[in-house]
Amino acid sequence: MSAVVLFGVSGFLIYKLFIYRHFIGVNVEYPAILLLMMAIITCSIAWIGWRTTKSMHQIHVIITGILILLVVVIEFSCFVWAMVVWDNVEIDIKSTLSHYFEHTLTKTDTTDVDIIRWDRIQVKFECCGVSGPSDYTSKGQVPFSCCGQGPLDSLHRPYAADCSMLYQRGCGKPLHDYARQQVLMVAMTALAASILQS
């Protein structure tokens, strides 16, 4: 039963990290992916354990116990790994976010997927650029998403908004906080799984 819960929780945490994969980088997701794989393996081991108790062969029961112990060790290792990622997430996010922002600045079409992603994240986190609105000086204009206006439908393009007040904070800090929170959840889930299964 714990493996099924672990499967659901780790899948949800992967989703929460995956939706911002362009901004935070994929290496932040790896502990959650390992946790999902361990949930699948734990389900398989539980099935094997159930089957071996019916056969009453002592070697099969011993092997199942060793496999469960191995799963517990790997889940605890996932906890440690997630805590290391949690501690270093700022370095990973800063480089990924800056690179993706520079890549997006070269785009001119407002319907481009990368520009829409930036619009959505700037509206959601109420931020502008990586470190603030000054990041857009090379482009010459700040998008309306820095004022709280997201991408509008095709009837309202170009943006029909009054941009009287810009968000002054950059998206780096809110994304950093979001990623740290999610990775901490992965770490606590891995710790809880290893404790419950030991």
Protein backbone atom coordinates (compact mmCIF):
# COMPACT_ATOMS: atom_id res chain seq x y z
CA MET A 1 0.00 0.00 0.00
CA SER A 2 2.82 2.40 0.83
CA ALA A 3 4.29 1.83 -2.63
CA VAL A 4 1.03 2.90 -4.27
CA VAL A 5 0.92 6.06 -2.15
CA LEU A 6 4.60 6.69 -2.93
CA PHE A 7 3.83 6.26 -6.63
CA GLY A 8 1.06 8.88 -6.48
CA VAL A 9 2.99 11.38 -4.38
CA SER A 10 6.21 11.12 -6.39
CA GLY A 11 4.26 11.41 -9.65
CA PHE A 12 2.60 14.57 -8.35
CA LEU A 13 5.96 16.02 -7.27
CA ILE A 14 7.48 15.25 -10.66
CA TYR A 15 4.57 17.09 -12.27
CA LYS A 16 5.07 20.11 -9.98
CA LEU A 17 8.73 20.27 -11.02
CA PHE A 18 8.13 19.34 -14.66
CA ILE A 19 5.82 22.27 -15.40
CA TYR A 20 8.76 24.65 -14.87
CA ARG A 21 11.41 22.42 -16.46
CA HIS A 22 12.51 25.14 -18.89
CA PHE A 23 13.28 27.49 -16.02
CA ILE A 24 14.70 25.25 -13.29
CA GLY A 25 16.53 22.55 -15.23
CA VAL A 26 16.00 18.83 -15.32
CA ASN A 27 18.63 17.86 -12.73
CA VAL A 28 16.34 19.18 -9.99
CA GLU A 29 13.79 16.52 -11.01
CA TYR A 30 16.11 13.51 -10.74
CA PRO A 31 15.47 12.64 -7.06
CA ALA A 32 11.71 12.67 -7.70
CA ILE A 33 12.17 10.46 -10.75
CA LEU A 34 14.23 7.99 -8.69
CA LEU A 35 11.50 8.00 -6.06
CA LEU A 36 8.90 7.15 -8.70
CA MET A 37 11.07 4.31 -9.99
CA MET A 38 11.48 2.99 -6.44
CA ALA A 39 7.69 3.00 -6.02
CA ILE A 40 7.33 0.83 -9.11
CA ILE A 41 10.12 -1.50 -7.93
CA THR A 42 8.57 -1.70 -4.46
CA CYS A 43 5.24 -2.76 -5.96
CA SER A 44 7.05 -5.47 -7.90
CA ILE A 45 8.93 -6.66 -4.80
CA ALA A 46 5.69 -6.74 -2.80
CA TRP A 47 4.11 -8.91 -5.47
CA ILE A 48 7.15 -11.21 -5.51
CA GLY A 49 7.07 -11.37 -1.71
CA TRP A 50 3.40 -12.29 -1.73
CA ARG A 51 4.03 -15.01 -4.30
CA THR A 52 7.03 -16.43 -2.42
CA THR A 53 5.19 -16.76 0.88
CA LYS A 54 2.73 -19.06 -0.86
CA SER A 55 5.55 -21.27 -2.14
CA MET A 56 7.16 -21.51 1.34
CA HIS A 57 10.71 -21.60 0.02
CA GLN A 58 13.02 -20.03 2.55
CA ILE A 59 15.50 -18.73 -0.04
CA HIS A 60 12.74 -16.75 -1.79
CA VAL A 61 11.68 -15.13 1.47
CA ILE A 62 15.31 -14.22 2.23
CA ILE A 63 15.78 -12.72 -1.24
CA THR A 64 12.58 -10.70 -0.84
CA GLY A 65 13.79 -9.39 2.52
CA ILE A 66 17.13 -8.40 1.01
CA LEU A 67 15.36 -6.61 -1.86
CA ILE A 68 13.17 -4.70 0.58
CA LEU A 69 16.25 -3.70 2.56
CA LEU A 70 17.90 -2.54 -0.66
CA VAL A 71 14.82 -0.44 -1.50
CA VAL A 72 14.93 1.19 1.95
CA VAL A 73 18.62 2.03 1.50
CA ILE A 74 17.99 3.50 -1.96
CA GLU A 75 15.04 5.55 -0.69
CA PHE A 76 17.17 6.93 2.13
CA SER A 77 19.89 7.70 -0.42
CA CYS A 78 17.24 9.53 -2.45
CA PHE A 79 16.49 11.61 0.65
CA VAL A 80 20.17 12.52 1.01
CA TRP A 81 20.45 13.28 -2.72
CA ALA A 82 17.34 15.49 -2.62
CA MET A 83 18.78 17.41 0.32
CA VAL A 84 22.02 17.98 -1.61
CA VAL A 85 19.99 19.19 -4.61
CA TRP A 86 17.93 21.36 -2.24
CA ASP A 87 21.10 22.98 -0.97
CA ASN A 88 22.53 23.58 -4.47
CA VAL A 89 19.32 24.45 -6.31
CA GLU A 90 20.18 28.15 -6.56
CA ILE A 91 23.26 27.46 -8.69
CA ASP A 92 21.33 25.17 -11.04
CA ILE A 93 18.38 27.52 -11.42
CA LYS A 94 20.43 30.66 -11.92
CA SER A 95 22.36 29.24 -14.89
CA THR A 96 19.34 27.55 -16.49
CA LEU A 97 17.09 30.58 -16.02
CA SER A 98 19.65 33.05 -17.38
CA HIS A 99 20.39 30.90 -20.41
CA TYR A 100 16.69 30.40 -21.18
CA PHE A 101 16.00 34.13 -20.76
CA GLU A 102 18.81 35.07 -23.17
CA HIS A 103 17.48 32.52 -25.65
CA THR A 104 13.96 33.96 -25.35
CA LEU A 105 15.13 37.56 -25.84
CA THR A 106 16.23 36.68 -29.38
CA LYS A 107 12.62 35.79 -30.30
CA THR A 108 10.49 38.44 -31.97
CA ASP A 109 7.18 36.64 -32.55
CA THR A 110 4.84 37.24 -29.59
CA THR A 111 3.12 33.91 -30.24
CA ASP A 112 6.38 32.00 -29.78
CA VAL A 113 6.14 29.26 -27.15
CA ASP A 114 9.14 30.53 -25.19
CA ILE A 115 7.74 34.05 -24.95
CA ILE A 116 4.36 32.70 -23.82
CA ARG A 117 6.10 30.60 -21.14
CA TRP A 118 7.85 33.71 -19.84
CA ASP A 119 4.58 35.65 -19.92
CA ARG A 120 2.84 32.97 -17.88
CA ILE A 121 5.57 32.67 -15.29
CA GLN A 122 5.86 36.46 -14.91
CA VAL A 123 2.12 36.72 -14.30
CA LYS A 124 2.00 33.71 -11.95
CA PHE A 125 4.95 34.74 -9.78
CA GLU A 126 4.38 38.51 -10.22
CA CYS A 127 7.92 39.07 -11.39
CA CYS A 128 9.77 40.51 -14.38
CA GLY A 129 12.81 39.06 -16.13
CA VAL A 130 15.48 37.18 -14.22
CA SER A 131 16.53 39.91 -11.79
CA GLY A 132 14.05 42.69 -12.62
CA PRO A 133 12.62 44.82 -15.46
CA SER A 134 16.11 46.10 -16.29
CA ASP A 135 16.79 42.71 -17.93
CA TYR A 136 14.67 43.87 -20.87
CA THR A 137 16.78 46.96 -21.65
CA SER A 138 18.49 45.22 -24.57
CA LYS A 139 15.10 44.52 -26.13
CA GLY A 140 13.90 48.09 -25.65
CA GLN A 141 10.51 47.23 -24.20
CA VAL A 142 9.12 45.37 -21.24
CA PRO A 143 6.32 42.85 -21.93
CA PHE A 144 2.90 43.51 -20.45
CA SER A 145 3.23 40.31 -18.45
CA CYS A 146 5.54 42.32 -16.16
CA CYS A 147 2.42 44.35 -15.29
CA GLY A 148 0.22 41.36 -14.57
CA GLN A 149 -1.28 40.95 -18.02
CA GLY A 150 -0.80 37.46 -19.40
CA PRO A 151 -0.97 36.27 -22.96
CA LEU A 152 -4.33 37.27 -24.37
CA ASP A 153 -6.33 35.49 -27.05
CA SER A 154 -5.94 36.36 -30.73
CA LEU A 155 -8.81 38.90 -30.63
CA HIS A 156 -6.97 41.07 -28.11
CA ARG A 157 -3.49 41.04 -29.66
CA PRO A 158 -1.46 43.15 -29.38
CA TYR A 159 -1.82 43.45 -25.64
CA ALA A 160 -4.68 45.69 -24.62
CA ALA A 161 -3.44 46.71 -21.22
CA ASP A 162 -2.35 49.73 -19.28
CA CYS A 163 1.11 49.09 -17.91
CA SER A 164 1.35 51.74 -15.22
CA MET A 165 3.18 49.66 -12.61
CA LEU A 166 5.89 47.08 -13.30
CA TYR A 167 6.82 44.18 -11.08
CA GLN A 168 10.19 45.17 -9.68
CA ARG A 169 11.43 41.79 -8.53
CA GLY A 170 12.95 39.27 -10.88
CA CYS A 171 11.70 35.73 -11.40
CA GLY A 172 14.92 34.16 -10.13
CA LYS A 173 14.07 34.34 -6.43
CA PRO A 174 10.43 33.14 -6.66
CA LEU A 175 11.46 30.23 -8.89
CA HIS A 176 14.31 29.42 -6.54
CA ASP A 177 11.92 29.36 -3.58
CA TYR A 178 9.39 27.25 -5.52
CA ALA A 179 12.02 24.69 -6.57
CA ARG A 180 13.47 24.50 -3.04
CA GLN A 181 10.00 23.87 -1.64
CA GLN A 182 9.29 21.09 -4.14
CA VAL A 183 12.69 19.42 -3.67
CA LEU A 184 12.20 19.57 0.10
CA MET A 185 8.87 17.79 -0.38
CA VAL A 186 10.67 15.12 -2.43
CA ALA A 187 13.26 14.71 0.34
CA MET A 188 10.63 14.40 3.06
CA THR A 189 8.65 11.91 0.97
CA ALA A 190 11.79 9.80 0.46
CA LEU A 191 12.57 9.92 4.17
CA ALA A 192 9.01 8.98 5.13
CA ALA A 193 9.00 6.12 2.61
CA SER A 194 12.29 4.74 3.88
CA ILE A 195 11.11 4.93 7.50
CA LEU A 196 7.72 3.35 6.79
CA GLN A 197 9.20 0.51 4.77
CA SER A 198 12.00 -0.33 7.18
